[in-house]
Amino acid sequence: MITVMTNTVIQHLRITGLVQGVGYRWHMARQARALGLTGWVRNRLDGSVEAQVCGHPDAVQALVDGVVVSPVDAAEVGHGFEQRETA
C-alpha cells in the first residue's frame, strides 16, 4: 500500500518542443531528485516527453513551470525517481 501525505500532489506531465536529444530527461530526473520528488520521466514516440511527479506542491511547481499538468491517482505512484524507456 502506498501512503500519500496530505501536503503532497501527484501530477502527470506532457512536455512538447525541443525536449528530445538535448538531455531533457536526464536534467529533469536530476532536478526532481534534488527537489525531493518521486516519479518517472520518458520520451514519447511523438517527440514529446512524459513524466509523473509526486511531492510537496512547491517542489512540483518548481519542476513543472510551463508544462501541461494533470492529476494522477495515488495508486500509480512508485518510489524514487526513474528514467523510463520511450513509449
C-alpha atoms as a PDB file:
ATOM      1  CA  MET A   1       0.000   0.000   0.000  1.00  0.00           C
ATOM      2  CA  ILE A   2       1.239   3.491  -0.864  1.00  0.00           C
ATOM      3  CA  THR A   3       0.667   6.328   1.582  1.00  0.00           C
ATOM      4  CA  VAL A   4       0.465   9.863   0.225  1.00  0.00           C
ATOM      5  CA  MET A   5       0.870  12.653   2.755  1.00  0.00           C
ATOM      6  CA  THR A   6      -1.687  15.463   2.935  1.00  0.00           C
ATOM      7  CA  ASN A   7       0.792  18.055   1.707  1.00  0.00           C
ATOM      8  CA  THR A   8       1.618  16.073  -1.438  1.00  0.00           C
ATOM      9  CA  VAL A   9       0.472  16.420  -5.037  1.00  0.00           C
ATOM     10  CA  ILE A  10       0.781  13.909  -7.865  1.00  0.00           C
ATOM     11  CA  GLN A  11       0.845  15.234 -11.414  1.00  0.00           C
ATOM     12  CA  HIS A  12       1.141  13.802 -14.924  1.00  0.00           C
ATOM     13  CA  LEU A  13       3.183  15.985 -17.294  1.00  0.00           C
ATOM     14  CA  ARG A  14       3.446  16.136 -21.097  1.00  0.00           C
ATOM     15  CA  ILE A  15       6.217  18.397 -22.371  1.00  0.00           C
ATOM     16  CA  THR A  16       6.491  19.391 -26.043  1.00  0.00           C
ATOM     17  CA  GLY A  17       9.026  21.381 -28.013  1.00  0.00           C
ATOM     18  CA  LEU A  18      12.770  20.800 -28.154  1.00  0.00           C
ATOM     19  CA  VAL A  19      12.854  18.120 -25.453  1.00  0.00           C
ATOM     20  CA  GLN A  20      14.426  15.065 -27.090  1.00  0.00           C
ATOM     21  CA  GLY A  21      18.104  14.686 -27.915  1.00  0.00           C
ATOM     22  CA  VAL A  22      19.102  17.516 -25.563  1.00  0.00           C
ATOM     23  CA  GLY A  23      19.416  15.698 -22.215  1.00  0.00           C
ATOM     24  CA  TYR A  24      15.965  16.796 -21.049  1.00  0.00           C
ATOM     25  CA  ARG A  25      15.080  13.534 -19.250  1.00  0.00           C
ATOM     26  CA  TRP A  26      18.456  13.403 -17.525  1.00  0.00           C
ATOM     27  CA  HIS A  27      18.122  17.015 -16.393  1.00  0.00           C
ATOM     28  CA  MET A  28      14.522  16.554 -15.243  1.00  0.00           C
ATOM     29  CA  ALA A  29      15.374  13.425 -13.248  1.00  0.00           C
ATOM     30  CA  ARG A  30      18.330  15.217 -11.628  1.00  0.00           C
ATOM     31  CA  GLN A  31      16.184  18.250 -10.725  1.00  0.00           C
ATOM     32  CA  ALA A  32      13.337  16.067  -9.444  1.00  0.00           C
ATOM     33  CA  ARG A  33      15.679  14.170  -7.145  1.00  0.00           C
ATOM     34  CA  ALA A  34      17.205  17.450  -5.896  1.00  0.00           C
ATOM     35  CA  LEU A  35      13.683  18.720  -5.114  1.00  0.00           C
ATOM     36  CA  GLY A  36      12.842  15.514  -3.211  1.00  0.00           C
ATOM     37  CA  LEU A  37      10.234  14.359  -5.738  1.00  0.00           C
ATOM     38  CA  THR A  38       9.369  10.802  -6.726  1.00  0.00           C
ATOM     39  CA  GLY A  39       8.080   9.601 -10.105  1.00  0.00           C
ATOM     40  CA  TRP A  40       9.443   8.927 -13.589  1.00  0.00           C
ATOM     41  CA  VAL A  41      10.240  10.545 -16.957  1.00  0.00           C
ATOM     42  CA  ARG A  42      10.379   9.109 -20.500  1.00  0.00           C
ATOM     43  CA  ASN A  43      10.468  10.077 -24.180  1.00  0.00           C
ATOM     44  CA  ARG A  44       7.363   9.561 -26.318  1.00  0.00           C
ATOM     45  CA  LEU A  45       7.417   8.438 -29.946  1.00  0.00           C
ATOM     46  CA  ASP A  46       5.658  11.695 -30.952  1.00  0.00           C
ATOM     47  CA  GLY A  47       8.719  13.713 -29.857  1.00  0.00           C
ATOM     48  CA  SER A  48       7.311  14.847 -26.515  1.00  0.00           C
ATOM     49  CA  VAL A  49       8.457  13.902 -23.019  1.00  0.00           C
ATOM     50  CA  GLU A  50       6.074  12.427 -20.444  1.00  0.00           C
ATOM     51  CA  ALA A  51       6.555  12.374 -16.682  1.00  0.00           C
ATOM     52  CA  GLN A  52       4.769  11.701 -13.417  1.00  0.00           C
ATOM     53  CA  VAL A  53       5.871  13.577 -10.305  1.00  0.00           C
ATOM     54  CA  CYS A  54       4.859  13.311  -6.673  1.00  0.00           C
ATOM     55  CA  GLY A  55       5.848  15.571  -3.808  1.00  0.00           C
ATOM     56  CA  HIS A  56       5.314  18.855  -1.997  1.00  0.00           C
ATOM     57  CA  PRO A  57       3.274  21.308  -4.129  1.00  0.00           C
ATOM     58  CA  ASP A  58       6.050  23.940  -4.127  1.00  0.00           C
ATOM     59  CA  ALA A  59       8.622  21.387  -5.316  1.00  0.00           C
ATOM     60  CA  VAL A  60       6.313  20.116  -8.082  1.00  0.00           C
ATOM     61  CA  GLN A  61       5.648  23.703  -9.201  1.00  0.00           C
ATOM     62  CA  ALA A  62       9.382  24.442  -9.259  1.00  0.00           C
ATOM     63  CA  LEU A  63       9.871  21.486 -11.620  1.00  0.00           C
ATOM     64  CA  VAL A  64       6.869  21.943 -13.926  1.00  0.00           C
ATOM     65  CA  ASP A  65       6.505  25.658 -14.608  1.00  0.00           C
ATOM     66  CA  GLY A  66       5.194  25.995 -18.172  1.00  0.00           C
ATOM     67  CA  VAL A  67       4.233  22.310 -18.557  1.00  0.00           C
ATOM     68  CA  VAL A  68       0.758  20.806 -19.123  1.00  0.00           C
ATOM     69  CA  VAL A  69      -0.126  19.073 -15.843  1.00  0.00           C
ATOM     70  CA  SER A  70      -2.912  16.654 -14.884  1.00  0.00           C
ATOM     71  CA  PRO A  71      -3.654  14.798 -11.621  1.00  0.00           C
ATOM     72  CA  VAL A  72      -2.688  11.148 -11.053  1.00  0.00           C
ATOM     73  CA  ASP A  73      -4.282   8.537  -8.782  1.00  0.00           C
ATOM     74  CA  ALA A  74      -2.137   7.799  -5.709  1.00  0.00           C
ATOM     75  CA  ALA A  75      -2.221   4.062  -6.518  1.00  0.00           C
ATOM     76  CA  GLU A  76       0.025   4.763  -9.554  1.00  0.00           C
ATOM     77  CA  VAL A  77       2.865   6.289  -7.514  1.00  0.00           C
ATOM     78  CA  GLY A  78       6.144   4.388  -7.132  1.00  0.00           C
ATOM     79  CA  HIS A  79       9.239   5.006  -5.049  1.00  0.00           C
ATOM     80  CA  GLY A  80      12.270   7.081  -6.053  1.00  0.00           C
ATOM     81  CA  PHE A  81      12.519   8.758  -9.473  1.00  0.00           C
ATOM     82  CA  GLU A  82      13.330   6.732 -12.566  1.00  0.00           C
ATOM     83  CA  GLN A  83      14.108   7.457 -16.210  1.00  0.00           C
ATOM     84  CA  ARG A  84      11.910   5.159 -18.324  1.00  0.00           C
ATOM     85  CA  GLU A  85      12.209   3.821 -21.853  1.00  0.00           C
ATOM     86  CA  THR A  86      10.497   5.604 -24.753  1.00  0.00           C
ATOM     87  CA  ALA A  87       6.770   4.773 -25.033  1.00  0.00           C
END
